[in-house]
Amino acid sequence: MPLTFLVGVYGMNFKHMPELEYAYGYYIVIFVMIAIALAMVYYFKKKKWF
């Protein structure tokens, strides 16, 4: 669900998103998405859901 939210927000065509002006904004968002996915996998394995 967190990744779906991030993709949904970045998939919209906003004119004024501060992250779009940063040189490394795209890479930061991709890194955050990967970090969330890894954290979720770790959490699920710890709870023995995965």
C-alpha atoms as a PDB file:
ATOM      1  CA  MET A   1       0.000   0.000   0.000  1.00  0.00           C
ATOM      2  CA  PRO A   2       2.759   2.576   0.700  1.00  0.00           C
ATOM      3  CA  LEU A   3       4.320   1.976  -2.712  1.00  0.00           C
ATOM      4  CA  THR A   4       0.937   2.273  -4.405  1.00  0.00           C
ATOM      5  CA  PHE A   5       0.456   5.649  -2.744  1.00  0.00           C
ATOM      6  CA  LEU A   6       3.856   6.928  -3.893  1.00  0.00           C
ATOM      7  CA  VAL A   7       3.351   5.728  -7.452  1.00  0.00           C
ATOM      8  CA  GLY A   8      -0.136   7.225  -7.501  1.00  0.00           C
ATOM      9  CA  VAL A   9       1.116  10.629  -6.388  1.00  0.00           C
ATOM     10  CA  TYR A  10       4.025  10.677  -8.818  1.00  0.00           C
ATOM     11  CA  GLY A  11       1.861   9.365 -11.651  1.00  0.00           C
ATOM     12  CA  MET A  12      -0.324  12.470 -11.546  1.00  0.00           C
ATOM     13  CA  ASN A  13       0.551  15.421 -13.735  1.00  0.00           C
ATOM     14  CA  PHE A  14       1.146  18.171 -11.204  1.00  0.00           C
ATOM     15  CA  LYS A  15       2.797  21.376 -12.358  1.00  0.00           C
ATOM     16  CA  HIS A  16       4.248  22.368  -8.997  1.00  0.00           C
ATOM     17  CA  MET A  17       6.065  19.490  -7.339  1.00  0.00           C
ATOM     18  CA  PRO A  18       9.270  20.560  -5.597  1.00  0.00           C
ATOM     19  CA  GLU A  19      10.907  17.205  -6.265  1.00  0.00           C
ATOM     20  CA  LEU A  20      10.762  17.801 -10.015  1.00  0.00           C
ATOM     21  CA  GLU A  21      13.188  20.708  -9.762  1.00  0.00           C
ATOM     22  CA  TYR A  22      15.916  18.716  -7.974  1.00  0.00           C
ATOM     23  CA  ALA A  23      18.667  17.226 -10.098  1.00  0.00           C
ATOM     24  CA  TYR A  24      18.505  13.926  -8.199  1.00  0.00           C
ATOM     25  CA  GLY A  25      14.803  14.002  -7.261  1.00  0.00           C
ATOM     26  CA  TYR A  26      13.934  11.023  -9.459  1.00  0.00           C
ATOM     27  CA  TYR A  27      16.720   8.898  -7.989  1.00  0.00           C
ATOM     28  CA  ILE A  28      15.766   9.840  -4.446  1.00  0.00           C
ATOM     29  CA  VAL A  29      12.163   8.735  -5.021  1.00  0.00           C
ATOM     30  CA  ILE A  30      13.283   5.437  -6.589  1.00  0.00           C
ATOM     31  CA  PHE A  31      15.618   4.839  -3.633  1.00  0.00           C
ATOM     32  CA  VAL A  32      12.807   5.551  -1.158  1.00  0.00           C
ATOM     33  CA  MET A  33      10.522   3.113  -2.985  1.00  0.00           C
ATOM     34  CA  ILE A  34      13.169   0.373  -2.904  1.00  0.00           C
ATOM     35  CA  ALA A  35      13.826   1.051   0.785  1.00  0.00           C
ATOM     36  CA  ILE A  36      10.107   0.769   1.588  1.00  0.00           C
ATOM     37  CA  ALA A  37       9.829  -2.493  -0.352  1.00  0.00           C
ATOM     38  CA  LEU A  38      12.843  -3.974   1.448  1.00  0.00           C
ATOM     39  CA  ALA A  39      11.537  -2.831   4.820  1.00  0.00           C
ATOM     40  CA  MET A  40       8.179  -4.467   4.088  1.00  0.00           C
ATOM     41  CA  VAL A  41       9.841  -7.750   3.074  1.00  0.00           C
ATOM     42  CA  TYR A  42      11.916  -7.690   6.260  1.00  0.00           C
ATOM     43  CA  TYR A  43       8.843  -6.974   8.377  1.00  0.00           C
ATOM     44  CA  PHE A  44       6.816  -9.743   6.723  1.00  0.00           C
ATOM     45  CA  LYS A  45       9.608 -12.265   7.160  1.00  0.00           C
ATOM     46  CA  LYS A  46      10.003 -11.282  10.807  1.00  0.00           C
ATOM     47  CA  LYS A  47       6.259 -11.839  11.375  1.00  0.00           C
ATOM     48  CA  LYS A  48       6.455 -15.092   9.336  1.00  0.00           C
ATOM     49  CA  TRP A  49       3.878 -13.856   6.828  1.00  0.00           C
ATOM     50  CA  PHE A  50       6.221 -14.283   3.878  1.00  0.00           C
END
